[in-house]
């Protein structure tokens, strides 16, 4: 596997059913999962925790690697399923102009295809096994 330079987080919480945090990326004008860079020497687990905190102000309570690397601009991101409390106060990074906690159906409408959709499908399959 190629070297991992970044991380992506499929953030979720469970109330009566799973809800997922998606953010609107102003630069790309699309809904997506939180992502960021790994600092030199930092392991991916620490990187995803730091990036989630930096980009949303949320503290993760549980992290599950999806065991998949996503190619992004010539490097790879490792993807994690990250549980956070959806009742916590969110402060979004300037990269994102808004966010939504969504049910599965809403995520599927906002992210109809592409890499983020594939990651979402994989995250759902892991959640169903837990």
N, C-alpha and C. Protein backbone atom coordinates (compact mmCIF):
# COMPACT_ATOMS: atom_id res chain seq x y z
N UNK A 1 0.85 -1.18 0.00
CA UNK A 1 0.00 0.00 0.00
C UNK A 1 0.89 1.24 0.00
N UNK A 2 0.47 2.26 -0.73
CA UNK A 2 1.22 3.52 -0.79
C UNK A 2 1.17 4.22 0.56
N UNK A 3 2.12 5.12 0.76
CA UNK A 3 2.18 5.87 2.02
C UNK A 3 0.91 6.69 2.22
N UNK A 4 0.46 6.75 3.47
CA UNK A 4 -0.74 7.50 3.83
C UNK A 4 -0.32 8.93 4.20
N UNK A 5 -0.89 9.90 3.52
CA UNK A 5 -0.58 11.31 3.79
C UNK A 5 -1.73 12.05 4.46
N UNK A 6 -2.92 11.47 4.45
CA UNK A 6 -4.07 12.16 5.02
C UNK A 6 -5.06 11.18 5.62
N UNK A 7 -6.12 11.74 6.17
CA UNK A 7 -7.16 10.94 6.79
C UNK A 7 -8.53 11.50 6.40
N UNK A 8 -9.51 10.64 6.43
CA UNK A 8 -10.90 11.04 6.20
C UNK A 8 -11.74 10.37 7.28
N UNK A 9 -12.75 11.08 7.77
CA UNK A 9 -13.58 10.56 8.86
C UNK A 9 -15.05 10.53 8.46
N UNK A 10 -15.64 9.34 8.53
CA UNK A 10 -17.09 9.20 8.41
C UNK A 10 -17.59 9.29 9.85
N UNK A 11 -18.03 10.49 10.23
CA UNK A 11 -18.43 10.76 11.62
C UNK A 11 -19.90 10.37 11.79
N UNK A 12 -20.18 9.67 12.90
CA UNK A 12 -21.55 9.23 13.15
C UNK A 12 -21.87 9.27 14.63
N UNK A 13 -23.16 9.20 14.93
CA UNK A 13 -23.66 8.97 16.27
C UNK A 13 -24.95 8.18 16.11
N UNK A 14 -25.37 7.53 17.17
CA UNK A 14 -26.59 6.72 17.10
C UNK A 14 -27.56 7.23 18.15
N UNK A 15 -28.74 7.63 17.69
CA UNK A 15 -29.85 7.98 18.58
C UNK A 15 -30.83 6.81 18.44
N UNK A 16 -31.96 7.02 17.81
CA UNK A 16 -32.86 5.91 17.50
C UNK A 16 -32.37 5.13 16.29
N UNK A 17 -31.48 5.78 15.50
CA UNK A 17 -30.85 5.17 14.33
C UNK A 17 -29.54 5.92 14.10
N UNK A 18 -28.68 5.44 13.22
CA UNK A 18 -27.42 6.17 12.97
C UNK A 18 -27.66 7.50 12.24
N UNK A 19 -26.90 8.49 12.64
CA UNK A 19 -26.85 9.79 11.96
C UNK A 19 -25.40 10.06 11.61
N UNK A 20 -25.19 10.73 10.49
CA UNK A 20 -23.85 10.96 9.97
C UNK A 20 -23.64 12.45 9.75
N UNK A 21 -22.43 12.91 10.06
CA UNK A 21 -22.09 14.31 9.86
C UNK A 21 -21.48 14.48 8.48
N UNK A 22 -22.10 15.34 7.68
CA UNK A 22 -21.51 15.72 6.40
C UNK A 22 -21.34 17.23 6.41
N UNK A 23 -20.35 17.69 5.68
CA UNK A 23 -20.05 19.11 5.64
C UNK A 23 -20.02 19.58 4.19
N UNK A 24 -20.42 20.83 3.99
CA UNK A 24 -20.39 21.40 2.64
C UNK A 24 -19.06 22.10 2.43
N UNK A 25 -18.27 21.57 1.51
CA UNK A 25 -16.95 22.11 1.18
C UNK A 25 -17.15 23.29 0.23
N UNK A 26 -16.79 24.50 0.67
CA UNK A 26 -17.01 25.69 -0.14
C UNK A 26 -16.17 25.69 -1.40
N UNK A 27 -14.94 25.20 -1.31
CA UNK A 27 -14.05 25.20 -2.46
C UNK A 27 -14.53 24.25 -3.55
N UNK A 28 -14.99 23.08 -3.16
CA UNK A 28 -15.43 22.07 -4.13
C UNK A 28 -16.94 22.13 -4.40
N UNK A 29 -17.65 22.94 -3.61
CA UNK A 29 -19.10 23.06 -3.72
C UNK A 29 -19.79 21.69 -3.71
N UNK A 30 -19.41 20.89 -2.70
CA UNK A 30 -20.00 19.56 -2.58
C UNK A 30 -20.07 19.14 -1.12
N UNK A 31 -20.99 18.21 -0.84
CA UNK A 31 -21.11 17.63 0.49
C UNK A 31 -20.11 16.50 0.59
N UNK A 32 -19.43 16.42 1.75
CA UNK A 32 -18.40 15.39 1.91
C UNK A 32 -18.16 15.10 3.38
N UNK A 33 -17.33 14.09 3.60
CA UNK A 33 -16.92 13.76 4.96
C UNK A 33 -15.67 14.57 5.30
N UNK A 34 -15.43 14.77 6.58
CA UNK A 34 -14.29 15.55 7.05
C UNK A 34 -12.98 14.86 6.65
N UNK A 35 -12.03 15.66 6.21
CA UNK A 35 -10.73 15.10 5.84
C UNK A 35 -9.63 16.10 6.16
N UNK A 36 -8.41 15.59 6.23
CA UNK A 36 -7.28 16.47 6.51
C UNK A 36 -5.96 15.74 6.34
N UNK A 37 -4.89 16.46 6.59
CA UNK A 37 -3.53 15.94 6.40
C UNK A 37 -3.00 15.29 7.68
N UNK A 38 -2.10 14.37 7.50
CA UNK A 38 -1.37 13.74 8.60
C UNK A 38 -0.06 14.50 8.77
N UNK A 39 0.27 14.88 10.00
CA UNK A 39 1.53 15.57 10.27
C UNK A 39 2.69 14.58 10.16
N UNK A 40 3.89 15.04 9.81
CA UNK A 40 5.05 14.14 9.72
C UNK A 40 5.26 13.38 11.03
N UNK A 41 5.41 12.06 10.93
CA UNK A 41 5.65 11.22 12.09
C UNK A 41 4.39 10.87 12.88
N UNK A 42 3.26 11.42 12.53
CA UNK A 42 2.00 11.18 13.25
C UNK A 42 1.34 9.91 12.72
N UNK A 43 0.83 9.07 13.62
CA UNK A 43 0.12 7.90 13.13
C UNK A 43 -1.29 8.31 12.70
N UNK A 44 -1.92 7.48 11.88
CA UNK A 44 -3.21 7.86 11.29
C UNK A 44 -4.32 7.98 12.33
N UNK A 45 -4.28 7.16 13.38
CA UNK A 45 -5.30 7.23 14.43
C UNK A 45 -5.24 8.59 15.13
N UNK A 46 -4.03 9.04 15.46
CA UNK A 46 -3.87 10.36 16.09
C UNK A 46 -4.26 11.47 15.11
N UNK A 47 -3.93 11.28 13.84
CA UNK A 47 -4.25 12.29 12.83
C UNK A 47 -5.76 12.47 12.68
N UNK A 48 -6.50 11.37 12.62
CA UNK A 48 -7.95 11.51 12.44
C UNK A 48 -8.58 12.15 13.68
N UNK A 49 -8.10 11.81 14.86
CA UNK A 49 -8.63 12.44 16.07
C UNK A 49 -8.35 13.94 16.06
N UNK A 50 -7.13 14.32 15.70
CA UNK A 50 -6.75 15.74 15.66
C UNK A 50 -7.54 16.49 14.59
N UNK A 51 -7.67 15.90 13.40
CA UNK A 51 -8.39 16.57 12.32
C UNK A 51 -9.88 16.74 12.63
N UNK A 52 -10.49 15.73 13.21
CA UNK A 52 -11.91 15.86 13.59
C UNK A 52 -12.07 17.00 14.58
N UNK A 53 -11.21 17.06 15.59
CA UNK A 53 -11.27 18.13 16.59
C UNK A 53 -11.02 19.50 15.94
N UNK A 54 -9.99 19.59 15.08
CA UNK A 54 -9.64 20.87 14.45
C UNK A 54 -10.72 21.36 13.49
N UNK A 55 -11.36 20.46 12.78
CA UNK A 55 -12.31 20.88 11.74
C UNK A 55 -13.75 20.98 12.22
N UNK A 56 -14.06 20.37 13.39
CA UNK A 56 -15.46 20.39 13.86
C UNK A 56 -15.60 20.76 15.32
N UNK A 57 -14.53 20.72 16.07
CA UNK A 57 -14.54 20.89 17.52
C UNK A 57 -15.16 19.68 18.24
N UNK A 58 -15.34 18.57 17.55
CA UNK A 58 -15.89 17.36 18.17
C UNK A 58 -14.76 16.48 18.68
N UNK A 59 -15.03 15.78 19.79
CA UNK A 59 -14.07 14.82 20.34
C UNK A 59 -14.61 13.43 20.02
N UNK A 60 -13.76 12.62 19.39
CA UNK A 60 -14.19 11.27 19.04
C UNK A 60 -14.24 10.39 20.28
N UNK A 61 -15.25 9.53 20.34
CA UNK A 61 -15.38 8.59 21.45
C UNK A 61 -14.99 7.18 21.03
N UNK A 62 -14.93 6.95 19.71
CA UNK A 62 -14.60 5.62 19.20
C UNK A 62 -14.15 5.78 17.75
N UNK A 63 -13.11 5.04 17.36
CA UNK A 63 -12.61 5.08 15.98
C UNK A 63 -12.44 3.67 15.46
N UNK A 64 -12.93 3.43 14.26
CA UNK A 64 -12.78 2.14 13.61
C UNK A 64 -12.19 2.35 12.22
N UNK A 65 -10.99 1.84 11.96
CA UNK A 65 -10.44 1.97 10.59
C UNK A 65 -11.31 1.20 9.60
N UNK A 66 -11.58 1.80 8.45
CA UNK A 66 -12.35 1.10 7.41
C UNK A 66 -11.45 0.18 6.59
N UNK A 67 -10.15 0.22 6.88
CA UNK A 67 -9.17 -0.63 6.18
C UNK A 67 -9.23 -0.39 4.67
N UNK A 68 -9.28 0.89 4.32
CA UNK A 68 -9.26 1.28 2.92
C UNK A 68 -8.48 2.58 2.81
N UNK A 69 -7.72 2.71 1.75
CA UNK A 69 -7.01 3.95 1.46
C UNK A 69 -7.60 4.54 0.19
N UNK A 70 -7.85 5.83 0.22
CA UNK A 70 -8.46 6.53 -0.90
C UNK A 70 -7.40 7.40 -1.58
N UNK A 71 -7.19 7.23 -2.89
CA UNK A 71 -6.23 8.10 -3.57
C UNK A 71 -6.80 9.51 -3.72
N UNK A 72 -6.01 10.50 -3.32
CA UNK A 72 -6.41 11.91 -3.42
C UNK A 72 -5.21 12.71 -3.89
N UNK A 73 -5.30 13.29 -5.06
CA UNK A 73 -4.24 14.14 -5.60
C UNK A 73 -2.85 13.51 -5.49
N UNK A 74 -2.72 12.27 -5.88
CA UNK A 74 -1.42 11.62 -5.90
C UNK A 74 -0.93 11.05 -4.59
N UNK A 75 -1.72 11.17 -3.52
CA UNK A 75 -1.36 10.54 -2.25
C UNK A 75 -2.57 9.76 -1.75
N UNK A 76 -2.45 9.17 -0.57
CA UNK A 76 -3.55 8.37 -0.04
C UNK A 76 -4.04 8.89 1.29
N UNK A 77 -5.34 8.72 1.53
CA UNK A 77 -5.95 9.02 2.82
C UNK A 77 -6.45 7.71 3.41
N UNK A 78 -6.20 7.51 4.72
CA UNK A 78 -6.80 6.37 5.40
C UNK A 78 -8.14 6.83 5.95
N UNK A 79 -9.13 5.96 5.89
CA UNK A 79 -10.49 6.33 6.26
C UNK A 79 -10.89 5.64 7.55
N UNK A 80 -11.55 6.40 8.44
CA UNK A 80 -12.01 5.90 9.73
C UNK A 80 -13.50 6.17 9.90
N UNK A 81 -14.16 5.26 10.57
CA UNK A 81 -15.51 5.47 11.07
C UNK A 81 -15.32 6.02 12.48
N UNK A 82 -15.81 7.23 12.73
CA UNK A 82 -15.53 7.94 13.99
C UNK A 82 -16.84 8.30 14.67
N UNK A 83 -17.01 7.81 15.90
CA UNK A 83 -18.22 8.14 16.66
C UNK A 83 -17.98 9.38 17.50
N UNK A 84 -18.91 10.33 17.40
CA UNK A 84 -18.88 11.56 18.18
C UNK A 84 -20.29 11.83 18.69
N UNK A 85 -20.40 12.63 19.72
CA UNK A 85 -21.71 12.99 20.28
C UNK A 85 -22.33 14.10 19.44
N UNK A 86 -23.45 13.80 18.79
CA UNK A 86 -24.06 14.80 17.90
C UNK A 86 -24.72 15.94 18.66
N UNK A 87 -24.80 15.84 19.98
CA UNK A 87 -25.33 16.94 20.78
C UNK A 87 -24.25 17.92 21.22
N UNK A 88 -23.01 17.64 20.85
CA UNK A 88 -21.89 18.53 21.18
C UNK A 88 -21.91 19.76 20.27
N UNK A 89 -21.34 20.83 20.77
CA UNK A 89 -21.25 22.07 20.00
C UNK A 89 -20.23 21.90 18.87
N UNK A 90 -20.63 22.25 17.66
CA UNK A 90 -19.76 22.13 16.50
C UNK A 90 -19.32 23.51 16.05
N UNK A 91 -18.03 23.64 15.81
CA UNK A 91 -17.46 24.85 15.22
C UNK A 91 -16.71 24.38 13.97
N UNK A 92 -17.22 24.72 12.81
CA UNK A 92 -16.66 24.21 11.56
C UNK A 92 -15.43 25.01 11.14
N UNK A 93 -14.48 24.30 10.58
CA UNK A 93 -13.30 24.88 9.95
C UNK A 93 -13.75 25.76 8.78
N UNK A 94 -12.97 26.77 8.43
CA UNK A 94 -13.35 27.70 7.36
C UNK A 94 -13.51 27.03 5.99
N UNK A 95 -12.96 25.83 5.84
CA UNK A 95 -13.12 25.10 4.57
C UNK A 95 -14.58 24.76 4.29
N UNK A 96 -15.35 24.62 5.35
CA UNK A 96 -16.75 24.20 5.24
C UNK A 96 -17.67 25.36 5.64
N UNK A 97 -18.75 25.57 4.88
CA UNK A 97 -19.64 26.67 5.22
C UNK A 97 -20.85 26.22 6.03
N UNK A 98 -21.15 24.95 6.02
CA UNK A 98 -22.25 24.44 6.85
C UNK A 98 -22.10 22.93 7.01
N UNK A 99 -22.90 22.38 7.90
CA UNK A 99 -22.87 20.94 8.13
C UNK A 99 -24.28 20.45 8.40
N UNK A 100 -24.47 19.15 8.30
CA UNK A 100 -25.75 18.51 8.63
C UNK A 100 -25.49 17.18 9.31
N UNK A 101 -26.30 16.87 10.31
CA UNK A 101 -26.38 15.50 10.83
C UNK A 101 -27.51 14.86 10.05
N UNK A 102 -27.23 13.81 9.32
CA UNK A 102 -28.19 13.22 8.39
C UNK A 102 -28.44 11.75 8.66
N UNK A 103 -29.65 11.33 8.34
CA UNK A 103 -29.96 9.90 8.32
C UNK A 103 -29.31 9.29 7.08
N UNK A 104 -29.33 7.99 7.00
CA UNK A 104 -28.76 7.29 5.85
C UNK A 104 -29.37 7.81 4.55
N UNK A 105 -30.70 7.93 4.51
CA UNK A 105 -31.37 8.39 3.28
C UNK A 105 -30.90 9.77 2.85
N UNK A 106 -30.74 10.67 3.82
CA UNK A 106 -30.30 12.04 3.49
C UNK A 106 -28.87 12.06 2.97
N UNK A 107 -28.00 11.26 3.57
CA UNK A 107 -26.62 11.20 3.07
C UNK A 107 -26.62 10.70 1.64
N UNK A 108 -27.41 9.67 1.37
CA UNK A 108 -27.45 9.11 0.02
C UNK A 108 -27.95 10.13 -1.01
N UNK A 109 -28.81 11.05 -0.61
CA UNK A 109 -29.28 12.10 -1.51
C UNK A 109 -28.23 13.19 -1.70
N UNK A 110 -27.52 13.54 -0.62
CA UNK A 110 -26.52 14.62 -0.69
C UNK A 110 -25.22 14.15 -1.33
N UNK A 111 -24.90 12.86 -1.18
CA UNK A 111 -23.67 12.29 -1.75
C UNK A 111 -24.09 11.09 -2.62
N UNK A 112 -24.58 11.37 -3.83
CA UNK A 112 -25.16 10.29 -4.64
C UNK A 112 -24.16 9.34 -5.29
N UNK A 113 -22.89 9.76 -5.43
CA UNK A 113 -21.91 8.89 -6.10
C UNK A 113 -20.50 9.32 -5.74
N UNK A 114 -19.52 8.62 -6.29
CA UNK A 114 -18.12 8.98 -6.08
C UNK A 114 -17.50 8.29 -4.87
N UNK A 115 -16.27 8.70 -4.56
CA UNK A 115 -15.49 8.06 -3.50
C UNK A 115 -16.17 8.19 -2.14
N UNK A 116 -16.72 9.35 -1.82
CA UNK A 116 -17.37 9.51 -0.52
C UNK A 116 -18.58 8.59 -0.39
N UNK A 117 -19.30 8.36 -1.47
CA UNK A 117 -20.45 7.46 -1.42
C UNK A 117 -19.98 6.02 -1.18
N UNK A 118 -18.91 5.62 -1.85
CA UNK A 118 -18.37 4.27 -1.65
C UNK A 118 -17.91 4.08 -0.20
N UNK A 119 -17.28 5.10 0.36
CA UNK A 119 -16.86 5.03 1.76
C UNK A 119 -18.05 4.92 2.69
N UNK A 120 -19.09 5.65 2.36
CA UNK A 120 -20.30 5.60 3.17
C UNK A 120 -20.90 4.20 3.16
N UNK A 121 -20.95 3.58 2.00
CA UNK A 121 -21.48 2.20 1.90
C UNK A 121 -20.65 1.25 2.77
N UNK A 122 -19.35 1.42 2.73
CA UNK A 122 -18.47 0.56 3.54
C UNK A 122 -18.69 0.81 5.04
N UNK A 123 -18.84 2.08 5.42
CA UNK A 123 -19.10 2.42 6.82
C UNK A 123 -20.42 1.81 7.29
N UNK A 124 -21.44 1.86 6.45
CA UNK A 124 -22.73 1.26 6.80
C UNK A 124 -22.61 -0.23 7.04
N UNK A 125 -21.85 -0.91 6.21
CA UNK A 125 -21.71 -2.35 6.38
C UNK A 125 -21.01 -2.69 7.70
N UNK A 126 -20.05 -1.86 8.11
CA UNK A 126 -19.37 -2.08 9.39
C UNK A 126 -20.32 -1.81 10.54
N UNK A 127 -21.11 -0.74 10.46
CA UNK A 127 -22.05 -0.43 11.53
C UNK A 127 -23.10 -1.52 11.69
N UNK A 128 -23.54 -2.10 10.62
CA UNK A 128 -24.55 -3.16 10.69
C UNK A 128 -24.01 -4.41 11.37
N UNK A 129 -22.69 -4.62 11.30
CA UNK A 129 -22.08 -5.79 11.96
C UNK A 129 -21.83 -5.56 13.44
N UNK A 130 -21.82 -4.30 13.86
CA UNK A 130 -21.51 -4.01 15.28
C UNK A 130 -22.72 -4.24 16.17
